[in-house]
């Protein structure tokens, strides 16, 4: 039996999306909490497996995989059902485009290391930092709201990789008090996802350290 060990941080949205994917597949995995606040991702032991020093990292029978999108692609290929990334060319492109709006265009601008740089190195105050966060979330959500169809989930009739990315970003938006009134479809989709155990069990509140 394949041993899966997920090194993550409970509040990391990239980690959150991988936890959702693992839960949707019904896979058993061990969690190792890596505190980004304490800097554990920069320890020698962690860097020996993950030279980038980020979370998440999924270790598969001793072999590490880094970057959440690559991890979810591996999960989907290793455990094909239920599908997270469609096989057919056009649906696959649509699902990946939706996911990348978040994973490439929102999340990297608002992750912890960028926010620390803005405040520590560039001297931005908290109000200006919050405006930065809200700006990039709003731009991405405007596009996703337009891309969202009328089906139950962002990815269609069943959750896809796009939904794995959306729900953590909705969590972040609420955490930073970004208004969501302009995105009714995204709010509906997020609520539909949170009816599923896979999303609830992956939520930061469900895995945060005691």
N, C-alpha and C. Protein backbone atom coordinates (compact mmCIF):
# COMPACT_ATOMS: atom_id res chain seq x y z
N UNK A 1 0.84 -1.20 0.00
CA UNK A 1 0.00 0.00 0.00
C UNK A 1 0.87 1.25 0.00
N UNK A 2 0.55 2.19 -0.87
CA UNK A 2 1.32 3.42 -0.98
C UNK A 2 1.18 4.26 0.29
N UNK A 3 2.30 4.74 0.80
CA UNK A 3 2.28 5.60 1.98
C UNK A 3 2.35 7.05 1.53
N UNK A 4 1.35 7.83 1.95
CA UNK A 4 1.27 9.24 1.60
C UNK A 4 1.46 10.07 2.85
N UNK A 5 2.44 10.98 2.81
CA UNK A 5 2.69 11.88 3.93
C UNK A 5 2.64 13.31 3.40
N UNK A 6 1.69 14.09 3.90
CA UNK A 6 1.53 15.47 3.45
C UNK A 6 2.14 16.41 4.47
N UNK A 7 3.15 17.14 4.04
CA UNK A 7 3.76 18.19 4.85
C UNK A 7 3.05 19.49 4.47
N UNK A 8 2.35 20.07 5.44
CA UNK A 8 1.59 21.27 5.12
C UNK A 8 1.46 22.17 6.33
N UNK A 9 0.80 23.31 6.11
CA UNK A 9 0.49 24.25 7.18
C UNK A 9 -1.01 24.46 7.16
N UNK A 10 -1.65 24.42 8.30
CA UNK A 10 -3.11 24.37 8.34
C UNK A 10 -3.77 25.53 7.61
N UNK A 11 -3.15 26.71 7.62
CA UNK A 11 -3.78 27.88 7.03
C UNK A 11 -3.28 28.17 5.61
N UNK A 12 -2.33 27.44 5.13
CA UNK A 12 -1.83 27.61 3.77
C UNK A 12 -2.92 27.21 2.76
N UNK A 13 -3.26 28.12 1.86
CA UNK A 13 -4.32 27.80 0.89
C UNK A 13 -3.86 26.76 -0.12
N UNK A 14 -2.57 26.76 -0.46
CA UNK A 14 -2.06 25.73 -1.37
C UNK A 14 -2.15 24.36 -0.71
N UNK A 15 -1.87 24.30 0.60
CA UNK A 15 -2.00 23.05 1.33
C UNK A 15 -3.47 22.63 1.44
N UNK A 16 -4.33 23.60 1.70
CA UNK A 16 -5.76 23.36 1.82
C UNK A 16 -6.29 22.69 0.54
N UNK A 17 -5.86 23.19 -0.63
CA UNK A 17 -6.37 22.61 -1.89
C UNK A 17 -5.92 21.16 -2.06
N UNK A 18 -4.70 20.85 -1.62
CA UNK A 18 -4.23 19.47 -1.72
C UNK A 18 -4.98 18.57 -0.74
N UNK A 19 -5.24 19.07 0.46
CA UNK A 19 -6.04 18.28 1.41
C UNK A 19 -7.41 17.95 0.84
N UNK A 20 -8.02 18.92 0.16
CA UNK A 20 -9.33 18.68 -0.47
C UNK A 20 -9.20 17.57 -1.50
N UNK A 21 -8.19 17.66 -2.36
CA UNK A 21 -8.01 16.66 -3.42
C UNK A 21 -7.84 15.26 -2.83
N UNK A 22 -7.02 15.14 -1.80
CA UNK A 22 -6.83 13.84 -1.16
C UNK A 22 -8.13 13.32 -0.55
N UNK A 23 -8.89 14.22 0.05
CA UNK A 23 -10.16 13.82 0.66
C UNK A 23 -11.19 13.42 -0.40
N UNK A 24 -11.23 14.15 -1.50
CA UNK A 24 -12.17 13.80 -2.57
C UNK A 24 -11.89 12.42 -3.13
N UNK A 25 -10.63 12.03 -3.13
CA UNK A 25 -10.25 10.70 -3.61
C UNK A 25 -10.44 9.62 -2.54
N UNK A 26 -10.73 10.05 -1.32
CA UNK A 26 -10.90 9.08 -0.24
C UNK A 26 -9.61 8.42 0.18
N UNK A 27 -8.49 9.13 0.06
CA UNK A 27 -7.18 8.55 0.35
C UNK A 27 -6.79 8.76 1.81
N UNK A 28 -6.13 7.77 2.37
CA UNK A 28 -5.56 7.90 3.70
C UNK A 28 -4.17 8.51 3.59
N UNK A 29 -3.91 9.49 4.45
CA UNK A 29 -2.59 10.13 4.42
C UNK A 29 -2.26 10.63 5.81
N UNK A 30 -0.97 10.72 6.05
CA UNK A 30 -0.46 11.27 7.31
C UNK A 30 -0.14 12.75 7.10
N UNK A 31 -0.49 13.58 8.07
CA UNK A 31 -0.16 15.00 8.01
C UNK A 31 1.02 15.30 8.90
N UNK A 32 1.93 16.12 8.40
CA UNK A 32 3.01 16.67 9.20
C UNK A 32 2.88 18.19 9.14
N UNK A 33 2.55 18.79 10.25
CA UNK A 33 2.37 20.24 10.30
C UNK A 33 3.72 20.94 10.24
N UNK A 34 3.86 21.84 9.25
CA UNK A 34 5.06 22.64 9.08
C UNK A 34 4.68 24.09 9.38
N UNK A 35 5.12 24.61 10.49
CA UNK A 35 4.73 25.96 10.89
C UNK A 35 5.50 27.00 10.07
N UNK A 36 4.76 27.71 9.22
CA UNK A 36 5.38 28.79 8.45
C UNK A 36 5.74 29.96 9.35
N UNK A 37 4.96 30.16 10.40
CA UNK A 37 5.24 31.26 11.32
C UNK A 37 6.56 31.01 12.06
N UNK A 38 6.81 29.76 12.43
CA UNK A 38 8.05 29.41 13.14
C UNK A 38 9.23 29.21 12.19
N UNK A 39 8.97 29.22 10.88
CA UNK A 39 10.04 29.07 9.91
C UNK A 39 10.51 27.64 9.71
N UNK A 40 9.68 26.66 10.05
CA UNK A 40 10.09 25.26 9.95
C UNK A 40 10.33 24.83 8.50
N UNK A 41 9.74 25.56 7.55
CA UNK A 41 9.92 25.22 6.13
C UNK A 41 11.34 25.53 5.65
N UNK A 42 12.10 26.24 6.46
CA UNK A 42 13.47 26.58 6.09
C UNK A 42 14.50 25.78 6.89
N UNK A 43 14.04 24.76 7.59
CA UNK A 43 14.98 23.91 8.34
C UNK A 43 15.82 23.09 7.37
N UNK A 44 16.99 22.68 7.80
CA UNK A 44 17.86 21.87 6.94
C UNK A 44 17.18 20.57 6.54
N UNK A 45 16.48 19.95 7.48
CA UNK A 45 15.83 18.67 7.19
C UNK A 45 14.75 18.82 6.12
N UNK A 46 13.99 19.91 6.21
CA UNK A 46 12.92 20.12 5.22
C UNK A 46 13.50 20.50 3.86
N UNK A 47 14.49 21.37 3.86
CA UNK A 47 15.11 21.79 2.60
C UNK A 47 15.81 20.64 1.89
N UNK A 48 16.22 19.64 2.63
CA UNK A 48 16.86 18.48 2.01
C UNK A 48 15.88 17.73 1.12
N UNK A 49 14.59 17.82 1.42
CA UNK A 49 13.57 17.18 0.59
C UNK A 49 12.90 18.15 -0.37
N UNK A 50 12.83 19.41 0.04
CA UNK A 50 12.13 20.42 -0.76
C UNK A 50 13.01 21.66 -0.83
N UNK A 51 13.79 21.75 -1.90
CA UNK A 51 14.78 22.82 -2.01
C UNK A 51 14.13 24.20 -2.05
N UNK A 52 12.86 24.28 -2.45
CA UNK A 52 12.18 25.57 -2.51
C UNK A 52 11.76 26.05 -1.12
N UNK A 53 11.58 25.11 -0.21
CA UNK A 53 11.22 25.50 1.15
C UNK A 53 9.80 26.02 1.28
N UNK A 54 8.88 25.46 0.48
CA UNK A 54 7.48 25.85 0.56
C UNK A 54 6.65 24.67 1.05
N UNK A 55 5.39 24.96 1.37
CA UNK A 55 4.40 23.91 1.56
C UNK A 55 3.33 24.12 0.48
N UNK A 56 2.65 23.03 0.10
CA UNK A 56 2.73 21.68 0.62
C UNK A 56 3.83 20.86 -0.06
N UNK A 57 4.14 19.72 0.55
CA UNK A 57 4.97 18.70 -0.06
C UNK A 57 4.32 17.35 0.25
N UNK A 58 4.06 16.57 -0.78
CA UNK A 58 3.52 15.22 -0.60
C UNK A 58 4.65 14.22 -0.82
N UNK A 59 4.91 13.40 0.19
CA UNK A 59 5.94 12.37 0.08
C UNK A 59 5.24 11.04 -0.18
N UNK A 60 5.56 10.45 -1.33
CA UNK A 60 4.93 9.21 -1.79
C UNK A 60 5.94 8.09 -1.69
N UNK A 61 5.75 7.19 -0.73
CA UNK A 61 6.72 6.11 -0.51
C UNK A 61 8.15 6.64 -0.49
N UNK A 62 8.33 7.77 0.19
CA UNK A 62 9.66 8.34 0.34
C UNK A 62 10.08 9.32 -0.74
N UNK A 63 9.27 9.44 -1.82
CA UNK A 63 9.61 10.33 -2.93
C UNK A 63 8.80 11.63 -2.80
N UNK A 64 9.47 12.79 -2.70
CA UNK A 64 8.73 14.04 -2.51
C UNK A 64 8.21 14.61 -3.82
N UNK A 65 7.01 15.19 -3.74
CA UNK A 65 6.43 15.98 -4.83
C UNK A 65 6.11 17.34 -4.24
N UNK A 66 6.55 18.41 -4.91
CA UNK A 66 6.27 19.75 -4.43
C UNK A 66 5.36 20.47 -5.43
N UNK A 67 4.86 21.62 -5.01
CA UNK A 67 3.94 22.47 -5.78
C UNK A 67 2.55 21.83 -5.86
N UNK A 68 1.56 22.56 -5.35
CA UNK A 68 0.21 22.00 -5.20
C UNK A 68 -0.40 21.53 -6.50
N UNK A 69 -0.19 22.26 -7.60
CA UNK A 69 -0.79 21.85 -8.86
C UNK A 69 -0.18 20.54 -9.36
N UNK A 70 1.13 20.40 -9.18
CA UNK A 70 1.80 19.15 -9.56
C UNK A 70 1.34 18.00 -8.67
N UNK A 71 1.16 18.28 -7.39
CA UNK A 71 0.69 17.25 -6.46
C UNK A 71 -0.71 16.78 -6.86
N UNK A 72 -1.60 17.72 -7.15
CA UNK A 72 -2.97 17.34 -7.52
C UNK A 72 -3.00 16.59 -8.85
N UNK A 73 -2.13 16.96 -9.77
CA UNK A 73 -2.05 16.22 -11.03
C UNK A 73 -1.58 14.79 -10.77
N UNK A 74 -0.59 14.62 -9.89
CA UNK A 74 -0.13 13.27 -9.55
C UNK A 74 -1.26 12.47 -8.91
N UNK A 75 -1.96 13.08 -7.96
CA UNK A 75 -3.07 12.39 -7.29
C UNK A 75 -4.10 11.93 -8.32
N UNK A 76 -4.41 12.80 -9.28
CA UNK A 76 -5.44 12.47 -10.26
C UNK A 76 -5.00 11.36 -11.21
N UNK A 77 -3.71 11.31 -11.52
CA UNK A 77 -3.20 10.25 -12.40
C UNK A 77 -3.03 8.93 -11.65
N UNK A 78 -2.61 9.02 -10.40
CA UNK A 78 -2.39 7.81 -9.62
C UNK A 78 -3.71 7.19 -9.16
N UNK A 79 -4.70 8.04 -8.94
CA UNK A 79 -6.02 7.59 -8.46
C UNK A 79 -7.08 8.27 -9.32
N UNK A 80 -7.39 7.69 -10.48
CA UNK A 80 -8.18 8.40 -11.50
C UNK A 80 -9.62 8.72 -11.14
N UNK A 81 -10.20 8.04 -10.18
CA UNK A 81 -11.61 8.28 -9.87
C UNK A 81 -11.79 8.76 -8.44
N UNK A 82 -12.67 9.74 -8.24
CA UNK A 82 -13.34 10.57 -9.26
C UNK A 82 -12.37 11.57 -9.88
N UNK A 83 -12.60 11.89 -11.12
CA UNK A 83 -11.70 12.77 -11.84
C UNK A 83 -11.73 14.18 -11.28
N UNK A 84 -10.57 14.78 -11.13
CA UNK A 84 -10.44 16.19 -10.78
C UNK A 84 -10.10 17.04 -12.00
N UNK A 85 -9.37 16.44 -12.93
CA UNK A 85 -8.97 17.12 -14.16
C UNK A 85 -9.53 16.29 -15.32
N UNK A 86 -10.45 16.84 -16.11
CA UNK A 86 -11.06 16.05 -17.18
C UNK A 86 -10.02 15.52 -18.17
N UNK A 87 -10.36 14.39 -18.80
CA UNK A 87 -9.49 13.81 -19.82
C UNK A 87 -9.60 14.53 -21.16
N UNK A 88 -10.82 14.91 -21.52
CA UNK A 88 -11.05 15.53 -22.83
C UNK A 88 -10.38 16.90 -22.89
N UNK A 89 -9.87 17.22 -24.07
CA UNK A 89 -8.99 18.38 -24.22
C UNK A 89 -9.64 19.69 -23.80
N UNK A 90 -10.84 19.99 -24.28
CA UNK A 90 -11.44 21.29 -23.98
C UNK A 90 -11.89 21.39 -22.52
N UNK A 91 -12.62 20.41 -21.98
CA UNK A 91 -12.95 20.50 -20.54
C UNK A 91 -11.71 20.57 -19.65
N UNK A 92 -10.67 19.86 -20.05
CA UNK A 92 -9.42 19.91 -19.28
C UNK A 92 -8.84 21.32 -19.28
N UNK A 93 -8.83 21.95 -20.45
CA UNK A 93 -8.29 23.31 -20.56
C UNK A 93 -9.10 24.29 -19.72
N UNK A 94 -10.43 24.13 -19.73
CA UNK A 94 -11.30 25.02 -18.96
C UNK A 94 -11.03 24.87 -17.46
N UNK A 95 -10.97 23.62 -16.99
CA UNK A 95 -10.75 23.37 -15.56
C UNK A 95 -9.40 23.92 -15.11
N UNK A 96 -8.37 23.69 -15.91
CA UNK A 96 -7.04 24.17 -15.54
C UNK A 96 -6.97 25.69 -15.60
N UNK A 97 -7.65 26.31 -16.57
CA UNK A 97 -7.66 27.77 -16.65
C UNK A 97 -8.31 28.37 -15.41
N UNK A 98 -9.45 27.80 -15.00
CA UNK A 98 -10.12 28.29 -13.79
C UNK A 98 -9.20 28.14 -12.57
N UNK A 99 -8.58 27.00 -12.46
CA UNK A 99 -7.69 26.76 -11.32
C UNK A 99 -6.50 27.72 -11.33
N UNK A 100 -5.97 27.99 -12.51
CA UNK A 100 -4.79 28.83 -12.60
C UNK A 100 -5.09 30.30 -12.36
N UNK A 101 -6.33 30.73 -12.58
CA UNK A 101 -6.69 32.10 -12.20
C UNK A 101 -6.35 32.32 -10.72
N UNK A 102 -6.60 31.29 -9.92
CA UNK A 102 -6.30 31.37 -8.49
C UNK A 102 -4.84 31.04 -8.22
N UNK A 103 -4.40 29.87 -8.71
CA UNK A 103 -3.07 29.37 -8.34
C UNK A 103 -1.94 30.20 -8.92
N UNK A 104 -2.18 30.88 -10.05
CA UNK A 104 -1.12 31.66 -10.69
C UNK A 104 -1.29 33.16 -10.52
N UNK A 105 -2.55 33.64 -10.49
CA UNK A 105 -2.78 35.08 -10.57
C UNK A 105 -3.27 35.74 -9.29
N UNK A 106 -3.84 34.97 -8.36
CA UNK A 106 -4.25 35.54 -7.07
C UNK A 106 -3.29 35.12 -5.96
N UNK A 107 -3.19 33.84 -5.75
CA UNK A 107 -2.47 33.32 -4.58
C UNK A 107 -1.01 33.78 -4.47
N UNK A 108 -0.21 33.73 -5.56
CA UNK A 108 1.20 34.09 -5.39
C UNK A 108 1.40 35.54 -4.93
N UNK A 109 0.47 36.42 -5.28
CA UNK A 109 0.62 37.82 -4.89
C UNK A 109 0.24 38.07 -3.43
N UNK A 110 -0.48 37.12 -2.84
CA UNK A 110 -1.00 37.32 -1.49
C UNK A 110 -0.51 36.30 -0.48
N UNK A 111 0.52 35.53 -0.84
CA UNK A 111 0.97 34.53 0.13
C UNK A 111 1.86 35.18 1.19
N UNK A 112 2.18 34.42 2.21
CA UNK A 112 2.82 34.97 3.40
C UNK A 112 4.15 35.65 3.10
N UNK A 113 4.98 35.05 2.26
CA UNK A 113 6.30 35.63 2.02
C UNK A 113 6.20 36.97 1.31
N UNK A 114 5.21 37.11 0.40
CA UNK A 114 5.02 38.39 -0.30
C UNK A 114 4.50 39.44 0.68
N UNK A 115 3.53 39.06 1.52
CA UNK A 115 2.98 40.02 2.47
C UNK A 115 4.04 40.48 3.47
N UNK A 116 4.91 39.55 3.89
CA UNK A 116 6.00 39.94 4.79
C UNK A 116 6.95 40.91 4.10
N UNK A 117 7.23 40.68 2.82
CA UNK A 117 8.12 41.59 2.09
C UNK A 117 7.51 42.98 1.98
N UNK A 118 6.20 43.04 1.74
CA UNK A 118 5.53 44.33 1.60
C UNK A 118 5.62 45.15 2.89
N UNK A 119 5.42 44.47 4.03
CA UNK A 119 5.42 45.20 5.29
C UNK A 119 6.82 45.38 5.87
N UNK A 120 7.62 44.32 5.84
CA UNK A 120 8.95 44.37 6.48
C UNK A 120 9.96 45.13 5.64
N UNK A 121 9.99 44.85 4.33
CA UNK A 121 11.03 45.43 3.48
C UNK A 121 10.61 46.72 2.78
N UNK A 122 9.34 46.81 2.41
CA UNK A 122 8.87 48.01 1.71
C UNK A 122 8.15 48.99 2.62
N UNK A 123 7.88 48.56 3.85
CA UNK A 123 7.33 49.48 4.83
C UNK A 123 5.86 49.80 4.68
N UNK A 124 5.10 48.95 3.99
CA UNK A 124 3.66 49.20 3.85
C UNK A 124 2.97 49.00 5.20
N UNK A 125 2.00 49.87 5.49
CA UNK A 125 1.23 49.69 6.72
C UNK A 125 0.14 48.64 6.49
N UNK A 126 -0.57 48.28 7.56
CA UNK A 126 -1.57 47.21 7.47
C UNK A 126 -2.71 47.58 6.54
N UNK A 127 -3.13 48.83 6.55
CA UNK A 127 -4.23 49.26 5.69
C UNK A 127 -3.85 49.13 4.21
N UNK A 128 -2.66 49.55 3.87
CA UNK A 128 -2.20 49.45 2.48
C UNK A 128 -2.01 47.99 2.08
N UNK A 129 -1.49 47.19 3.01
CA UNK A 129 -1.34 45.76 2.72
C UNK A 129 -2.70 45.13 2.44
N UNK A 130 -3.70 45.47 3.22
CA UNK A 130 -5.04 44.90 3.01
C UNK A 130 -5.62 45.33 1.68
N UNK A 131 -5.33 46.57 1.25
CA UNK A 131 -5.78 47.01 -0.08
C UNK A 131 -5.11 46.18 -1.17
N UNK A 132 -3.83 45.88 -0.98
CA UNK A 132 -3.10 45.02 -1.93
C UNK A 132 -3.78 43.67 -2.05
N UNK A 133 -4.05 43.05 -0.91
CA UNK A 133 -4.69 41.74 -0.89
C UNK A 133 -6.02 41.78 -1.61
N UNK A 134 -6.86 42.75 -1.26
CA UNK A 134 -8.21 42.84 -1.83
C UNK A 134 -8.18 43.09 -3.33
N UNK A 135 -7.22 43.86 -3.79
CA UNK A 135 -7.13 44.17 -5.23
C UNK A 135 -6.97 42.92 -6.07
N UNK A 136 -6.05 42.07 -5.70
CA UNK A 136 -5.76 40.89 -6.52
C UNK A 136 -6.84 39.82 -6.38
N UNK A 137 -7.44 39.71 -5.20
CA UNK A 137 -8.56 38.79 -5.05
C UNK A 137 -9.73 39.25 -5.91
N UNK A 138 -10.03 40.54 -5.87
CA UNK A 138 -11.16 41.07 -6.64
C UNK A 138 -10.96 40.87 -8.13
N UNK A 139 -9.76 41.14 -8.63
CA UNK A 139 -9.53 40.97 -10.07
C UNK A 139 -9.71 39.51 -10.49
N UNK A 140 -9.20 38.59 -9.70
CA UNK A 140 -9.36 37.18 -10.03
C UNK A 140 -10.79 36.71 -9.90
N UNK A 141 -11.48 37.15 -8.85
CA UNK A 141 -12.86 36.73 -8.64
C UNK A 141 -13.79 37.29 -9.71
N UNK A 142 -13.51 38.49 -10.20
CA UNK A 142 -14.32 39.04 -11.29
C UNK A 142 -14.26 38.12 -12.51
N UNK A 143 -13.07 37.64 -12.82
CA UNK A 143 -12.92 36.73 -13.96
C UNK A 143 -13.61 35.40 -13.68
N UNK A 144 -13.43 34.84 -12.50
CA UNK A 144 -14.04 33.55 -12.18
C UNK A 144 -15.55 33.63 -12.13
N UNK A 145 -16.10 34.73 -11.64
CA UNK A 145 -17.55 34.91 -11.63
C UNK A 145 -18.10 34.85 -13.05
N UNK A 146 -17.38 35.49 -13.99
CA UNK A 146 -17.80 35.46 -15.39
C UNK A 146 -17.62 34.08 -16.01
N UNK A 147 -16.63 33.33 -15.54
CA UNK A 147 -16.35 32.00 -16.08
C UNK A 147 -17.25 30.92 -15.50
N UNK A 148 -17.86 31.21 -14.34
CA UNK A 148 -18.69 30.21 -13.68
C UNK A 148 -19.98 29.99 -14.45
N UNK A 149 -20.32 28.74 -14.68
CA UNK A 149 -21.56 28.42 -15.36
C UNK A 149 -22.70 28.31 -14.37
N UNK A 150 -23.74 27.59 -14.76
CA UNK A 150 -24.92 27.44 -13.92
C UNK A 150 -24.95 26.10 -13.18
N UNK A 151 -23.93 25.27 -13.37
CA UNK A 151 -23.92 23.98 -12.69
C UNK A 151 -23.50 24.14 -11.23
N UNK A 152 -23.61 23.07 -10.49
CA UNK A 152 -23.48 23.16 -9.03
C UNK A 152 -22.09 23.60 -8.59
N UNK A 153 -21.07 23.14 -9.29
CA UNK A 153 -19.70 23.44 -8.90
C UNK A 153 -19.00 24.23 -10.00
N UNK A 154 -17.89 24.83 -9.65
CA UNK A 154 -17.14 25.58 -10.65
C UNK A 154 -16.70 24.67 -11.78
N UNK A 155 -16.37 23.41 -11.43
CA UNK A 155 -15.92 22.46 -12.42
C UNK A 155 -17.04 21.71 -13.14
N UNK A 156 -18.29 21.95 -12.76
CA UNK A 156 -19.41 21.26 -13.41
C UNK A 156 -20.33 20.60 -12.42
N UNK A 157 -20.76 19.38 -12.74
CA UNK A 157 -21.70 18.66 -11.88
C UNK A 157 -21.00 17.99 -10.70
N UNK A 158 -19.71 17.83 -10.77
CA UNK A 158 -18.91 17.28 -9.67
C UNK A 158 -17.72 18.20 -9.44
N UNK A 159 -17.16 18.21 -8.24
CA UNK A 159 -16.03 19.10 -7.96
C UNK A 159 -14.81 18.74 -8.82
N UNK A 160 -14.08 19.76 -9.21
CA UNK A 160 -12.88 19.57 -10.02
C UNK A 160 -11.70 20.27 -9.34
N UNK A 161 -10.59 20.26 -10.01
CA UNK A 161 -9.40 20.96 -9.52
C UNK A 161 -9.69 22.43 -9.31
N UNK A 162 -10.61 22.99 -10.12
CA UNK A 162 -10.97 24.40 -9.95
C UNK A 162 -11.63 24.65 -8.61
N UNK A 163 -12.49 23.73 -8.18
CA UNK A 163 -13.14 23.87 -6.88
C UNK A 163 -12.15 23.68 -5.73
N UNK A 164 -11.18 22.78 -5.93
CA UNK A 164 -10.12 22.59 -4.93
C UNK A 164 -9.36 23.89 -4.69
N UNK A 165 -9.23 24.70 -5.73
CA UNK A 165 -8.53 25.98 -5.60
C UNK A 165 -9.45 27.08 -5.11
N UNK A 166 -10.71 27.06 -5.54
CA UNK A 166 -11.64 28.14 -5.20
C UNK A 166 -11.92 28.22 -3.70
N UNK A 167 -12.25 27.09 -3.09
CA UNK A 167 -12.70 27.13 -1.69
C UNK A 167 -11.62 27.71 -0.77
N UNK A 168 -10.35 27.32 -0.88
CA UNK A 168 -9.34 27.97 -0.03
C UNK A 168 -9.21 29.48 -0.29
N UNK A 169 -9.40 29.89 -1.55
CA UNK A 169 -9.30 31.31 -1.83
C UNK A 169 -10.50 32.08 -1.26
N UNK A 170 -11.66 31.45 -1.23
CA UNK A 170 -12.82 32.06 -0.58
C UNK A 170 -12.57 32.19 0.93
N UNK A 171 -11.95 31.18 1.51
CA UNK A 171 -11.57 31.24 2.92
C UNK A 171 -10.64 32.43 3.16
N UNK A 172 -9.65 32.61 2.29
CA UNK A 172 -8.72 33.72 2.43
C UNK A 172 -9.44 35.06 2.29
N UNK A 173 -10.36 35.14 1.33
CA UNK A 173 -11.08 36.39 1.12
C UNK A 173 -11.85 36.79 2.38
N UNK A 174 -12.51 35.83 2.98
CA UNK A 174 -13.25 36.12 4.22
C UNK A 174 -12.30 36.46 5.36
N UNK A 175 -11.18 35.77 5.41
CA UNK A 175 -10.21 36.02 6.48
C UNK A 175 -9.71 37.46 6.42
N UNK A 176 -9.52 37.98 5.21
CA UNK A 176 -9.04 39.35 5.04
C UNK A 176 -10.16 40.35 4.81
N UNK A 177 -11.41 39.90 5.05
CA UNK A 177 -12.59 40.76 5.01
C UNK A 177 -12.77 41.43 3.65
N UNK A 178 -12.56 40.64 2.59
CA UNK A 178 -12.81 41.13 1.23
C UNK A 178 -14.30 40.94 0.93
N UNK A 179 -15.02 41.99 0.54
CA UNK A 179 -16.46 41.85 0.25
C UNK A 179 -16.70 40.87 -0.89
N UNK A 180 -17.74 40.05 -0.74
CA UNK A 180 -18.05 39.01 -1.73
C UNK A 180 -19.39 39.22 -2.41
N UNK A 181 -20.03 40.35 -2.16
CA UNK A 181 -21.36 40.60 -2.72
C UNK A 181 -21.38 40.57 -4.24
N UNK A 182 -20.28 40.93 -4.86
CA UNK A 182 -20.23 41.00 -6.33
C UNK A 182 -20.02 39.64 -6.98
N UNK A 183 -19.91 38.58 -6.16
CA UNK A 183 -19.59 37.26 -6.71
C UNK A 183 -20.60 36.21 -6.22
N UNK A 184 -21.88 36.39 -6.54
CA UNK A 184 -22.91 35.48 -6.01
C UNK A 184 -22.73 34.03 -6.43
N UNK A 185 -22.27 33.80 -7.67
CA UNK A 185 -22.07 32.42 -8.10
C UNK A 185 -20.93 31.77 -7.33
N UNK A 186 -19.87 32.50 -7.08
CA UNK A 186 -18.75 31.93 -6.32
C UNK A 186 -19.18 31.61 -4.90
N UNK A 187 -20.00 32.46 -4.32
CA UNK A 187 -20.51 32.20 -2.97
C UNK A 187 -21.37 30.95 -2.96
N UNK A 188 -22.23 30.79 -3.99
CA UNK A 188 -23.08 29.61 -4.09
C UNK A 188 -22.25 28.34 -4.26
N UNK A 189 -21.25 28.41 -5.11
CA UNK A 189 -20.40 27.25 -5.37
C UNK A 189 -19.62 26.87 -4.11
N UNK A 190 -19.08 27.86 -3.43
CA UNK A 190 -18.35 27.61 -2.19
C UNK A 190 -19.26 26.92 -1.17
N UNK A 191 -20.50 27.39 -1.06
CA UNK A 191 -21.45 26.79 -0.11
C UNK A 191 -21.76 25.36 -0.48
N UNK A 192 -21.92 25.09 -1.79
CA UNK A 192 -22.19 23.72 -2.25
C UNK A 192 -21.01 22.80 -1.93
N UNK A 193 -19.81 23.30 -2.13
CA UNK A 193 -18.62 22.49 -1.82
C UNK A 193 -18.55 22.18 -0.33
N UNK A 194 -18.87 23.16 0.49
CA UNK A 194 -18.74 22.98 1.93
C UNK A 194 -19.82 22.06 2.51
N UNK A 195 -20.76 21.64 1.69
CA UNK A 195 -21.70 20.61 2.11
C UNK A 195 -21.08 19.22 2.09
N UNK A 196 -19.93 19.09 1.42
CA UNK A 196 -19.26 17.79 1.27
C UNK A 196 -18.23 17.59 2.37
N UNK A 197 -18.17 16.36 2.87
CA UNK A 197 -17.21 16.03 3.92
C UNK A 197 -15.77 16.31 3.49
N UNK A 198 -15.48 16.06 2.21
CA UNK A 198 -14.10 16.22 1.74
C UNK A 198 -13.61 17.66 1.94
N UNK A 199 -14.47 18.61 1.72
CA UNK A 199 -14.10 20.02 1.89
C UNK A 199 -14.09 20.40 3.37
N UNK A 200 -15.08 19.94 4.12
CA UNK A 200 -15.13 20.27 5.54
C UNK A 200 -13.95 19.68 6.30
N UNK A 201 -13.59 18.43 5.98
CA UNK A 201 -12.50 17.77 6.69
C UNK A 201 -11.14 18.36 6.35
N UNK A 202 -11.05 19.05 5.21
CA UNK A 202 -9.78 19.67 4.80
C UNK A 202 -9.64 21.10 5.28
N UNK A 203 -10.71 21.65 5.82
CA UNK A 203 -10.74 23.06 6.21
C UNK A 203 -9.71 23.33 7.31
N UNK A 204 -9.11 24.53 7.30
CA UNK A 204 -8.14 24.86 8.36
C UNK A 204 -8.68 24.69 9.76
N UNK A 205 -9.94 24.99 9.97
CA UNK A 205 -10.50 24.83 11.32
C UNK A 205 -10.53 23.36 11.76
N UNK A 206 -10.56 22.45 10.79
CA UNK A 206 -10.63 21.02 11.11
C UNK A 206 -9.26 20.41 11.39
N UNK A 207 -8.19 21.09 10.96
CA UNK A 207 -6.85 20.51 11.08
C UNK A 207 -5.88 21.38 11.88
N UNK A 208 -6.33 22.53 12.35
CA UNK A 208 -5.40 23.43 13.04
C UNK A 208 -4.87 22.77 14.31
N UNK A 209 -3.62 23.06 14.63
CA UNK A 209 -3.03 22.46 15.83
C UNK A 209 -3.80 22.86 17.09
N UNK A 210 -3.80 21.98 18.04
CA UNK A 210 -4.51 22.25 19.32
C UNK A 210 -3.82 23.36 20.10
